[in-house]
């Protein structure tokens, strides 16, 4: 890119703090959502402060960034990644292959240099049942041979179904999973720029007046808005069941779970869809029950 290239906007991430990161994501979305006129061909630069290093980046940061890039790309903008922070450029552009999702039109690419990362995956009709079992299988074969990890797969599948069936995100829905083998923590993030769980529930139940209450409603056992005939009807409760800590952010509503306590909050910023991110301590998962013999004539 020539040094003479003019950028309509430079999006600068100063740190990895969750609130600061989300404010940049939501402010940028709102700014361009309200733009008037044709944006096709105009350039936008994404940059990172040199204090940010790849090891501080979690799935939460990457899925929200992916949704923002997809949103800007759909507006016709040309999105560029700055090389000022060489480590971050190499990590996102080369190691994680972000450009392949838009320039290459792919839904998933491997990150061969990072065994602990299940790289960015675009949630699609064809793949929503396939990705979660792959995660479970890998974890069992690599780290936890004797652990029962079925709850992880069930939660992921339910999350993907909710995103695909409820969000109407038109391809702007991503998941990324990372495992920290030093702490045994599994980090999961799922994001879409669709209509959002909060709006979906409030449209279904007009008596609900706040986004936080809509998310809490969606977390009730067996709650479903019956958006499609294939809807499983298990609600979002299965997603957070095994989580030690979790957050669901949709529009101005935030629901936070820590241990066994779940609370809803009103936020100043509005997330343009739904963001789900949670942590699971895999060392605390129960051992798998293995039946070694049985007798038909007990």
C-alpha atoms as a PDB file:
ATOM      1  CA  UNK A   1       0.000   0.000   0.000  1.00  0.00           C
ATOM      2  CA  UNK A   2       1.440   3.336  -0.995  1.00  0.00           C
ATOM      3  CA  UNK A   3       2.332   5.830   1.732  1.00  0.00           C
ATOM      4  CA  UNK A   4       0.115   8.266  -0.151  1.00  0.00           C
ATOM      5  CA  UNK A   5      -2.982   6.154   0.475  1.00  0.00           C
ATOM      6  CA  UNK A   6      -5.630   8.088   2.327  1.00  0.00           C
ATOM      7  CA  UNK A   7      -7.585   6.326   5.017  1.00  0.00           C
ATOM      8  CA  UNK A   8     -11.145   7.233   5.830  1.00  0.00           C
ATOM      9  CA  UNK A   9     -10.487   6.059   9.376  1.00  0.00           C
ATOM     10  CA  UNK A  10      -7.788   4.447  11.484  1.00  0.00           C
ATOM     11  CA  UNK A  11      -9.154   2.123  14.138  1.00  0.00           C
ATOM     12  CA  UNK A  12      -6.611   2.059  16.963  1.00  0.00           C
ATOM     13  CA  UNK A  13      -6.739  -0.520  19.741  1.00  0.00           C
ATOM     14  CA  UNK A  14      -4.756   0.912  22.647  1.00  0.00           C
ATOM     15  CA  UNK A  15      -4.947  -2.090  24.981  1.00  0.00           C
ATOM     16  CA  UNK A  16      -6.683  -5.449  25.517  1.00  0.00           C
ATOM     17  CA  UNK A  17      -8.996  -4.325  28.325  1.00  0.00           C
ATOM     18  CA  UNK A  18     -12.443  -5.811  27.599  1.00  0.00           C
ATOM     19  CA  UNK A  19     -14.402  -2.593  28.078  1.00  0.00           C
ATOM     20  CA  UNK A  20     -11.975  -0.476  26.051  1.00  0.00           C
ATOM     21  CA  UNK A  21     -11.846  -3.059  23.260  1.00  0.00           C
ATOM     22  CA  UNK A  22     -15.630  -3.346  23.086  1.00  0.00           C
ATOM     23  CA  UNK A  23     -16.083   0.410  23.049  1.00  0.00           C
ATOM     24  CA  UNK A  24     -13.899   0.669  19.954  1.00  0.00           C
ATOM     25  CA  UNK A  25     -15.816  -2.159  18.279  1.00  0.00           C
ATOM     26  CA  UNK A  26     -19.254  -0.706  19.065  1.00  0.00           C
ATOM     27  CA  UNK A  27     -18.318   2.929  18.379  1.00  0.00           C
ATOM     28  CA  UNK A  28     -16.825   2.023  14.999  1.00  0.00           C
ATOM     29  CA  UNK A  29     -19.871  -0.047  14.074  1.00  0.00           C
ATOM     30  CA  UNK A  30     -22.248   2.757  15.029  1.00  0.00           C
ATOM     31  CA  UNK A  31     -20.231   5.356  13.144  1.00  0.00           C
ATOM     32  CA  UNK A  32     -20.247   3.446   9.872  1.00  0.00           C
ATOM     33  CA  UNK A  33     -23.797   2.186  10.314  1.00  0.00           C
ATOM     34  CA  UNK A  34     -24.911   5.816  10.240  1.00  0.00           C
ATOM     35  CA  UNK A  35     -22.669   6.781   7.315  1.00  0.00           C
ATOM     36  CA  UNK A  36     -24.357   8.426   4.364  1.00  0.00           C
ATOM     37  CA  UNK A  37     -23.220   7.818   0.809  1.00  0.00           C
ATOM     38  CA  UNK A  38     -21.252   5.161  -1.014  1.00  0.00           C
ATOM     39  CA  UNK A  39     -18.263   3.853   0.961  1.00  0.00           C
ATOM     40  CA  UNK A  40     -17.064   1.459  -1.734  1.00  0.00           C
ATOM     41  CA  UNK A  41     -13.318   1.456  -2.255  1.00  0.00           C
ATOM     42  CA  UNK A  42     -12.494   3.674   0.702  1.00  0.00           C
ATOM     43  CA  UNK A  43      -9.702   2.497   2.993  1.00  0.00           C
ATOM     44  CA  UNK A  44      -9.852   1.728   6.692  1.00  0.00           C
ATOM     45  CA  UNK A  45      -6.763   0.905   8.750  1.00  0.00           C
ATOM     46  CA  UNK A  46      -6.758  -1.338  11.831  1.00  0.00           C
ATOM     47  CA  UNK A  47      -3.823  -0.700  14.138  1.00  0.00           C
ATOM     48  CA  UNK A  48      -2.617  -1.918  17.541  1.00  0.00           C
ATOM     49  CA  UNK A  49      -0.569  -0.102  20.131  1.00  0.00           C
ATOM     50  CA  UNK A  50       2.921  -1.560  20.405  1.00  0.00           C
ATOM     51  CA  UNK A  51       2.192  -2.547  24.029  1.00  0.00           C
ATOM     52  CA  UNK A  52      -0.238  -5.233  22.786  1.00  0.00           C
ATOM     53  CA  UNK A  53       1.340  -8.641  22.270  1.00  0.00           C
ATOM     54  CA  UNK A  54      -0.189 -11.841  20.870  1.00  0.00           C
ATOM     55  CA  UNK A  55      -0.115 -13.760  24.159  1.00  0.00           C
ATOM     56  CA  UNK A  56      -2.520 -11.193  25.657  1.00  0.00           C
ATOM     57  CA  UNK A  57      -5.071 -11.756  22.902  1.00  0.00           C
ATOM     58  CA  UNK A  58      -7.958 -14.088  23.725  1.00  0.00           C
ATOM     59  CA  UNK A  59     -10.791 -15.468  21.544  1.00  0.00           C
ATOM     60  CA  UNK A  60     -12.978 -12.609  22.802  1.00  0.00           C
ATOM     61  CA  UNK A  61     -10.758 -10.060  21.033  1.00  0.00           C
ATOM     62  CA  UNK A  62     -10.498 -12.026  17.810  1.00  0.00           C
ATOM     63  CA  UNK A  63     -14.172 -12.840  17.186  1.00  0.00           C
ATOM     64  CA  UNK A  64     -15.268  -9.260  17.796  1.00  0.00           C
ATOM     65  CA  UNK A  65     -12.535  -8.015  15.468  1.00  0.00           C
ATOM     66  CA  UNK A  66     -13.609 -10.554  12.830  1.00  0.00           C
ATOM     67  CA  UNK A  67     -17.231  -9.377  13.012  1.00  0.00           C
ATOM     68  CA  UNK A  68     -16.133  -5.758  12.645  1.00  0.00           C
ATOM     69  CA  UNK A  69     -13.958  -6.568   9.629  1.00  0.00           C
ATOM     70  CA  UNK A  70     -16.819  -8.485   8.019  1.00  0.00           C
ATOM     71  CA  UNK A  71     -19.200  -5.592   8.655  1.00  0.00           C
ATOM     72  CA  UNK A  72     -16.834  -3.033   7.119  1.00  0.00           C
ATOM     73  CA  UNK A  73     -16.060  -5.308   4.187  1.00  0.00           C
ATOM     74  CA  UNK A  74     -19.779  -5.688   3.442  1.00  0.00           C
ATOM     75  CA  UNK A  75     -20.057  -1.906   3.260  1.00  0.00           C
ATOM     76  CA  UNK A  76     -17.516  -1.961   0.441  1.00  0.00           C
ATOM     77  CA  UNK A  77     -14.647  -0.616   2.512  1.00  0.00           C
ATOM     78  CA  UNK A  78     -11.120  -1.899   1.993  1.00  0.00           C
ATOM     79  CA  UNK A  79      -9.830  -3.009   5.385  1.00  0.00           C
ATOM     80  CA  UNK A  80      -6.071  -2.988   5.994  1.00  0.00           C
ATOM     81  CA  UNK A  81      -3.988  -4.235   8.917  1.00  0.00           C
ATOM     82  CA  UNK A  82      -1.167  -1.951  10.026  1.00  0.00           C
ATOM     83  CA  UNK A  83       2.383  -3.297  10.303  1.00  0.00           C
ATOM     84  CA  UNK A  84       3.353  -0.796  12.980  1.00  0.00           C
ATOM     85  CA  UNK A  85       2.929  -3.556  15.589  1.00  0.00           C
ATOM     86  CA  UNK A  86       4.834  -6.252  13.720  1.00  0.00           C
ATOM     87  CA  UNK A  87       4.070  -9.018  16.220  1.00  0.00           C
ATOM     88  CA  UNK A  88       0.322  -8.446  16.037  1.00  0.00           C
ATOM     89  CA  UNK A  89       0.379  -8.112  12.259  1.00  0.00           C
ATOM     90  CA  UNK A  90       2.221 -11.408  11.907  1.00  0.00           C
ATOM     91  CA  UNK A  91      -0.064 -13.158  14.393  1.00  0.00           C
ATOM     92  CA  UNK A  92      -3.378 -12.063  12.873  1.00  0.00           C
ATOM     93  CA  UNK A  93      -2.441 -11.877   9.197  1.00  0.00           C
ATOM     94  CA  UNK A  94       0.047 -14.718   8.865  1.00  0.00           C
ATOM     95  CA  UNK A  95      -0.451 -17.155  11.753  1.00  0.00           C
ATOM     96  CA  UNK A  96      -4.255 -16.972  11.976  1.00  0.00           C
ATOM     97  CA  UNK A  97      -4.750 -16.193   8.298  1.00  0.00           C
ATOM     98  CA  UNK A  98      -7.511 -13.624   8.779  1.00  0.00           C
ATOM     99  CA  UNK A  99      -7.324 -12.427   5.181  1.00  0.00           C
ATOM    100  CA  UNK A 100      -8.344 -15.894   3.956  1.00  0.00           C
ATOM    101  CA  UNK A 101     -11.824 -15.394   5.401  1.00  0.00           C
ATOM    102  CA  UNK A 102     -12.535 -12.422   3.146  1.00  0.00           C
ATOM    103  CA  UNK A 103     -10.013 -12.392   0.319  1.00  0.00           C
ATOM    104  CA  UNK A 104     -10.078 -16.190   0.108  1.00  0.00           C
ATOM    105  CA  UNK A 105     -13.741 -16.675   0.974  1.00  0.00           C
ATOM    106  CA  UNK A 106     -12.988 -19.454   3.468  1.00  0.00           C
ATOM    107  CA  UNK A 107     -15.015 -20.361   6.556  1.00  0.00           C
ATOM    108  CA  UNK A 108     -12.075 -21.878   8.434  1.00  0.00           C
ATOM    109  CA  UNK A 109      -8.300 -22.099   8.127  1.00  0.00           C
ATOM    110  CA  UNK A 110      -5.955 -23.960  10.450  1.00  0.00           C
ATOM    111  CA  UNK A 111      -3.380 -22.227  12.638  1.00  0.00           C
ATOM    112  CA  UNK A 112      -0.619 -24.853  12.395  1.00  0.00           C
ATOM    113  CA  UNK A 113       1.796 -23.054  14.688  1.00  0.00           C
ATOM    114  CA  UNK A 114      -0.674 -22.975  17.576  1.00  0.00           C
ATOM    115  CA  UNK A 115      -1.896 -26.384  18.759  1.00  0.00           C
ATOM    116  CA  UNK A 116      -3.907 -24.742  21.539  1.00  0.00           C
ATOM    117  CA  UNK A 117      -6.035 -22.621  19.181  1.00  0.00           C
ATOM    118  CA  UNK A 118      -9.107 -23.806  17.319  1.00  0.00           C
ATOM    119  CA  UNK A 119      -8.909 -21.016  14.822  1.00  0.00           C
ATOM    120  CA  UNK A 120     -11.595 -18.646  13.674  1.00  0.00           C
ATOM    121  CA  UNK A 121     -14.607 -20.425  12.254  1.00  0.00           C
ATOM    122  CA  UNK A 122     -17.492 -18.800  10.421  1.00  0.00           C
ATOM    123  CA  UNK A 123     -20.725 -20.332  11.720  1.00  0.00           C
ATOM    124  CA  UNK A 124     -22.531 -21.842   8.762  1.00  0.00           C
ATOM    125  CA  UNK A 125     -25.519 -24.075   8.058  1.00  0.00           C
ATOM    126  CA  UNK A 126     -23.263 -26.894   6.857  1.00  0.00           C
ATOM    127  CA  UNK A 127     -20.757 -26.786   9.702  1.00  0.00           C
ATOM    128  CA  UNK A 128     -22.663 -25.948  12.844  1.00  0.00           C
ATOM    129  CA  UNK A 129     -22.963 -29.608  13.883  1.00  0.00           C
ATOM    130  CA  UNK A 130     -19.386 -30.512  12.985  1.00  0.00           C
ATOM    131  CA  UNK A 131     -17.110 -28.057  14.735  1.00  0.00           C
ATOM    132  CA  UNK A 132     -18.024 -28.768  18.378  1.00  0.00           C
ATOM    133  CA  UNK A 133     -17.362 -32.546  18.192  1.00  0.00           C
ATOM    134  CA  UNK A 134     -13.977 -31.796  16.602  1.00  0.00           C
ATOM    135  CA  UNK A 135     -13.069 -29.622  19.590  1.00  0.00           C
ATOM    136  CA  UNK A 136     -14.125 -32.295  22.068  1.00  0.00           C
ATOM    137  CA  UNK A 137     -12.234 -35.024  20.204  1.00  0.00           C
ATOM    138  CA  UNK A 138      -9.026 -33.006  20.039  1.00  0.00           C
ATOM    139  CA  UNK A 139      -9.075 -32.142  23.742  1.00  0.00           C
ATOM    140  CA  UNK A 140      -9.679 -35.752  24.733  1.00  0.00           C
ATOM    141  CA  UNK A 141      -6.937 -37.126  22.520  1.00  0.00           C
ATOM    142  CA  UNK A 142      -4.376 -34.468  23.408  1.00  0.00           C
ATOM    143  CA  UNK A 143      -4.936 -33.484  27.031  1.00  0.00           C
ATOM    144  CA  UNK A 144      -7.816 -35.224  28.791  1.00  0.00           C
ATOM    145  CA  UNK A 145      -8.114 -38.862  27.767  1.00  0.00           C
ATOM    146  CA  UNK A 146     -10.190 -39.904  30.791  1.00  0.00           C
ATOM    147  CA  UNK A 147     -12.365 -36.793  31.138  1.00  0.00           C
ATOM    148  CA  UNK A 148     -16.017 -36.553  30.113  1.00  0.00           C
ATOM    149  CA  UNK A 149     -16.078 -33.483  27.898  1.00  0.00           C
ATOM    150  CA  UNK A 150     -19.515 -34.022  26.381  1.00  0.00           C
ATOM    151  CA  UNK A 151     -20.903 -30.923  28.135  1.00  0.00           C
ATOM    152  CA  UNK A 152     -18.479 -28.779  26.140  1.00  0.00           C
ATOM    153  CA  UNK A 153     -19.712 -30.176  22.840  1.00  0.00           C
ATOM    154  CA  UNK A 154     -23.370 -29.861  23.844  1.00  0.00           C
ATOM    155  CA  UNK A 155     -22.899 -26.234  24.866  1.00  0.00           C
ATOM    156  CA  UNK A 156     -21.080 -25.322  21.676  1.00  0.00           C
ATOM    157  CA  UNK A 157     -23.634 -26.991  19.434  1.00  0.00           C
ATOM    158  CA  UNK A 158     -26.433 -25.161  21.239  1.00  0.00           C
ATOM    159  CA  UNK A 159     -24.588 -21.864  20.851  1.00  0.00           C
ATOM    160  CA  UNK A 160     -24.089 -22.408  17.136  1.00  0.00           C
ATOM    161  CA  UNK A 161     -27.736 -23.342  16.643  1.00  0.00           C
ATOM    162  CA  UNK A 162     -28.855 -20.221  18.494  1.00  0.00           C
ATOM    163  CA  UNK A 163     -26.586 -18.009  16.419  1.00  0.00           C
ATOM    164  CA  UNK A 164     -27.582 -19.551  13.108  1.00  0.00           C
ATOM    165  CA  UNK A 165     -31.317 -19.880  13.787  1.00  0.00           C
ATOM    166  CA  UNK A 166     -31.899 -16.638  15.685  1.00  0.00           C
ATOM    167  CA  UNK A 167     -29.304 -14.103  14.623  1.00  0.00           C
ATOM    168  CA  UNK A 168     -29.959 -13.779  10.875  1.00  0.00           C
ATOM    169  CA  UNK A 169     -26.344 -12.632  10.714  1.00  0.00           C
ATOM    170  CA  UNK A 170     -25.847 -13.283   6.980  1.00  0.00           C
ATOM    171  CA  UNK A 171     -22.405 -14.800   7.442  1.00  0.00           C
ATOM    172  CA  UNK A 172     -21.218 -12.357  10.087  1.00  0.00           C
ATOM    173  CA  UNK A 173     -20.947 -14.889  12.912  1.00  0.00           C
ATOM    174  CA  UNK A 174     -17.679 -16.307  14.203  1.00  0.00           C
ATOM    175  CA  UNK A 175     -16.333 -18.610  16.868  1.00  0.00           C
ATOM    176  CA  UNK A 176     -12.837 -19.118  18.231  1.00  0.00           C
ATOM    177  CA  UNK A 177     -11.614 -21.408  21.001  1.00  0.00           C
ATOM    178  CA  UNK A 178      -8.309 -21.453  22.852  1.00  0.00           C
ATOM    179  CA  UNK A 179      -6.962 -23.844  25.472  1.00  0.00           C
ATOM    180  CA  UNK A 180      -4.354 -22.852  28.065  1.00  0.00           C
ATOM    181  CA  UNK A 181      -2.587 -26.061  29.046  1.00  0.00           C
ATOM    182  CA  UNK A 182      -0.853 -24.367  31.989  1.00  0.00           C
ATOM    183  CA  UNK A 183      -4.114 -23.449  33.714  1.00  0.00           C
ATOM    184  CA  UNK A 184      -6.397 -26.041  32.038  1.00  0.00           C
ATOM    185  CA  UNK A 185      -8.763 -23.195  31.119  1.00  0.00           C
ATOM    186  CA  UNK A 186     -10.717 -23.372  27.872  1.00  0.00           C
ATOM    187  CA  UNK A 187     -11.606 -19.946  26.480  1.00  0.00           C
ATOM    188  CA  UNK A 188     -14.642 -19.824  24.191  1.00  0.00           C
ATOM    189  CA  UNK A 189     -15.949 -16.823  22.239  1.00  0.00           C
ATOM    190  CA  UNK A 190     -18.870 -16.615  19.820  1.00  0.00           C
ATOM    191  CA  UNK A 191     -19.980 -13.391  18.186  1.00  0.00           C
ATOM    192  CA  UNK A 192     -22.428 -12.264  15.551  1.00  0.00           C
ATOM    193  CA  UNK A 193     -23.574  -8.933  14.147  1.00  0.00           C
ATOM    194  CA  UNK A 194     -27.141 -10.141  13.616  1.00  0.00           C
ATOM    195  CA  UNK A 195     -30.348  -8.996  15.254  1.00  0.00           C
ATOM    196  CA  UNK A 196     -29.120 -10.149  18.665  1.00  0.00           C
ATOM    197  CA  UNK A 197     -30.568 -12.442  21.304  1.00  0.00           C
ATOM    198  CA  UNK A 198     -31.987  -9.495  23.218  1.00  0.00           C
ATOM    199  CA  UNK A 199     -34.037  -8.150  20.296  1.00  0.00           C
ATOM    200  CA  UNK A 200     -35.068 -11.632  19.230  1.00  0.00           C
ATOM    201  CA  UNK A 201     -36.505 -12.404  22.670  1.00  0.00           C
ATOM    202  CA  UNK A 202     -38.127  -8.982  23.086  1.00  0.00           C
ATOM    203  CA  UNK A 203     -39.806  -9.288  19.695  1.00  0.00           C
ATOM    204  CA  UNK A 204     -41.183 -12.660  20.814  1.00  0.00           C
ATOM    205  CA  UNK A 205     -42.274 -11.517  24.284  1.00  0.00           C
ATOM    206  CA  UNK A 206     -43.425  -7.894  24.261  1.00  0.00           C
ATOM    207  CA  UNK A 207     -43.727  -7.848  28.062  1.00  0.00           C
ATOM    208  CA  UNK A 208     -39.925  -7.838  28.385  1.00  0.00           C
ATOM    209  CA  UNK A 209     -38.746  -4.237  28.381  1.00  0.00           C
ATOM    210  CA  UNK A 210     -34.966  -4.399  28.876  1.00  0.00           C
ATOM    211  CA  UNK A 211     -32.206  -6.195  27.009  1.00  0.00           C
ATOM    212  CA  UNK A 212     -30.727  -7.665  30.180  1.00  0.00           C
ATOM    213  CA  UNK A 213     -34.088  -9.222  31.100  1.00  0.00           C
ATOM    214  CA  UNK A 214     -34.370 -10.604  27.582  1.00  0.00           C
ATOM    215  CA  UNK A 215     -31.011 -12.361  27.933  1.00  0.00           C
ATOM    216  CA  UNK A 216     -31.964 -13.712  31.359  1.00  0.00           C
ATOM    217  CA  UNK A 217     -35.181 -15.023  29.818  1.00  0.00           C
ATOM    218  CA  UNK A 218     -33.205 -16.749  27.075  1.00  0.00           C
ATOM    219  CA  UNK A 219     -31.150 -18.490  29.767  1.00  0.00           C
ATOM    220  CA  UNK A 220     -34.171 -20.131  31.350  1.00  0.00           C
ATOM    221  CA  UNK A 221     -34.310 -23.892  30.928  1.00  0.00           C
ATOM    222  CA  UNK A 222     -36.132 -24.988  27.772  1.00  0.00           C
ATOM    223  CA  UNK A 223     -36.867 -21.429  26.661  1.00  0.00           C
ATOM    224  CA  UNK A 224     -37.158 -21.020  22.895  1.00  0.00           C
ATOM    225  CA  UNK A 225     -38.705 -18.445  20.589  1.00  0.00           C
ATOM    226  CA  UNK A 226     -39.424 -21.266  18.104  1.00  0.00           C
ATOM    227  CA  UNK A 227     -37.777 -19.334  15.288  1.00  0.00           C
ATOM    228  CA  UNK A 228     -37.358 -22.445  13.136  1.00  0.00           C
ATOM    229  CA  UNK A 229     -38.847 -25.911  13.005  1.00  0.00           C
ATOM    230  CA  UNK A 230     -35.435 -27.438  13.732  1.00  0.00           C
ATOM    231  CA  UNK A 231     -34.943 -25.338  16.846  1.00  0.00           C
ATOM    232  CA  UNK A 232     -33.830 -27.664  19.619  1.00  0.00           C
ATOM    233  CA  UNK A 233     -35.753 -25.852  22.327  1.00  0.00           C
ATOM    234  CA  UNK A 234     -33.079 -26.346  24.981  1.00  0.00           C
ATOM    235  CA  UNK A 235     -32.440 -22.650  25.418  1.00  0.00           C
ATOM    236  CA  UNK A 236     -29.068 -21.080  26.158  1.00  0.00           C
ATOM    237  CA  UNK A 237     -28.765 -22.616  29.616  1.00  0.00           C
ATOM    238  CA  UNK A 238     -26.725 -25.546  28.301  1.00  0.00           C
ATOM    239  CA  UNK A 239     -24.090 -23.174  26.985  1.00  0.00           C
ATOM    240  CA  UNK A 240     -23.197 -21.751  30.379  1.00  0.00           C
ATOM    241  CA  UNK A 241     -23.796 -24.859  32.494  1.00  0.00           C
ATOM    242  CA  UNK A 242     -20.141 -26.018  32.594  1.00  0.00           C
ATOM    243  CA  UNK A 243     -18.676 -22.486  32.634  1.00  0.00           C
ATOM    244  CA  UNK A 244     -16.781 -21.173  35.618  1.00  0.00           C
ATOM    245  CA  UNK A 245     -17.196 -17.617  34.348  1.00  0.00           C
ATOM    246  CA  UNK A 246     -19.305 -16.348  31.453  1.00  0.00           C
ATOM    247  CA  UNK A 247     -20.723 -13.234  29.818  1.00  0.00           C
ATOM    248  CA  UNK A 248     -23.469 -12.681  27.262  1.00  0.00           C
ATOM    249  CA  UNK A 249     -23.662  -9.205  25.773  1.00  0.00           C
ATOM    250  CA  UNK A 250     -26.469  -8.234  23.402  1.00  0.00           C
ATOM    251  CA  UNK A 251     -27.406  -4.644  22.572  1.00  0.00           C
ATOM    252  CA  UNK A 252     -27.435  -2.840  25.945  1.00  0.00           C
ATOM    253  CA  UNK A 253     -27.867  -5.951  28.044  1.00  0.00           C
ATOM    254  CA  UNK A 254     -25.076  -7.866  29.766  1.00  0.00           C
ATOM    255  CA  UNK A 255     -25.480 -11.050  31.769  1.00  0.00           C
ATOM    256  CA  UNK A 256     -22.547 -12.173  33.871  1.00  0.00           C
ATOM    257  CA  UNK A 257     -22.121 -15.567  35.497  1.00  0.00           C
ATOM    258  CA  UNK A 258     -19.470 -16.339  38.103  1.00  0.00           C
ATOM    259  CA  UNK A 259     -19.491 -19.749  39.752  1.00  0.00           C
ATOM    260  CA  UNK A 260     -23.230 -20.306  40.381  1.00  0.00           C
ATOM    261  CA  UNK A 261     -24.360 -16.668  40.505  1.00  0.00           C
ATOM    262  CA  UNK A 262     -25.884 -15.035  37.400  1.00  0.00           C
ATOM    263  CA  UNK A 263     -26.750 -11.328  37.226  1.00  0.00           C
ATOM    264  CA  UNK A 264     -27.977  -8.926  34.546  1.00  0.00           C
ATOM    265  CA  UNK A 265     -26.708  -5.397  33.913  1.00  0.00           C
ATOM    266  CA  UNK A 266     -27.605  -2.389  31.763  1.00  0.00           C
ATOM    267  CA  UNK A 267     -24.706  -1.047  29.677  1.00  0.00           C
ATOM    268  CA  UNK A 268     -23.903   2.354  28.229  1.00  0.00           C
ATOM    269  CA  UNK A 269     -22.685   0.854  24.949  1.00  0.00           C
ATOM    270  CA  UNK A 270     -24.748  -1.359  22.638  1.00  0.00           C
ATOM    271  CA  UNK A 271     -23.334  -4.505  21.042  1.00  0.00           C
ATOM    272  CA  UNK A 272     -24.677  -4.922  17.471  1.00  0.00           C
ATOM    273  CA  UNK A 273     -25.766  -8.542  17.819  1.00  0.00           C
ATOM    274  CA  UNK A 274     -24.669 -11.049  20.424  1.00  0.00           C
ATOM    275  CA  UNK A 275     -21.342 -11.784  22.058  1.00  0.00           C
ATOM    276  CA  UNK A 276     -20.916 -14.906  24.188  1.00  0.00           C
ATOM    277  CA  UNK A 277     -17.635 -15.620  25.900  1.00  0.00           C
ATOM    278  CA  UNK A 278     -16.877 -17.975  28.737  1.00  0.00           C
ATOM    279  CA  UNK A 279     -14.201 -19.977  30.512  1.00  0.00           C
ATOM    280  CA  UNK A 280     -14.271 -23.643  31.490  1.00  0.00           C
ATOM    281  CA  UNK A 281     -11.812 -25.249  33.901  1.00  0.00           C
ATOM    282  CA  UNK A 282     -11.292 -28.619  32.226  1.00  0.00           C
ATOM    283  CA  UNK A 283      -9.354 -30.014  35.173  1.00  0.00           C
ATOM    284  CA  UNK A 284     -12.621 -29.957  37.119  1.00  0.00           C
ATOM    285  CA  UNK A 285     -14.562 -32.003  34.591  1.00  0.00           C
ATOM    286  CA  UNK A 286     -15.646 -35.422  35.821  1.00  0.00           C
ATOM    287  CA  UNK A 287     -13.935 -38.613  34.718  1.00  0.00           C
ATOM    288  CA  UNK A 288     -15.667 -40.528  31.977  1.00  0.00           C
ATOM    289  CA  UNK A 289     -17.524 -43.604  33.133  1.00  0.00           C
ATOM    290  CA  UNK A 290     -16.241 -46.624  31.245  1.00  0.00           C
ATOM    291  CA  UNK A 291     -18.174 -49.901  31.326  1.00  0.00           C
ATOM    292  CA  UNK A 292     -15.712 -52.736  30.791  1.00  0.00           C
ATOM    293  CA  UNK A 293     -18.110 -55.706  30.932  1.00  0.00           C
ATOM    294  CA  UNK A 294     -21.776 -56.574  31.238  1.00  0.00           C
ATOM    295  CA  UNK A 295     -23.972 -59.632  31.609  1.00  0.00           C
ATOM    296  CA  UNK A 296     -27.175 -60.125  29.621  1.00  0.00           C
ATOM    297  CA  UNK A 297     -28.405 -62.554  32.283  1.00  0.00           C
ATOM    298  CA  UNK A 298     -27.732 -60.596  35.451  1.00  0.00           C
END
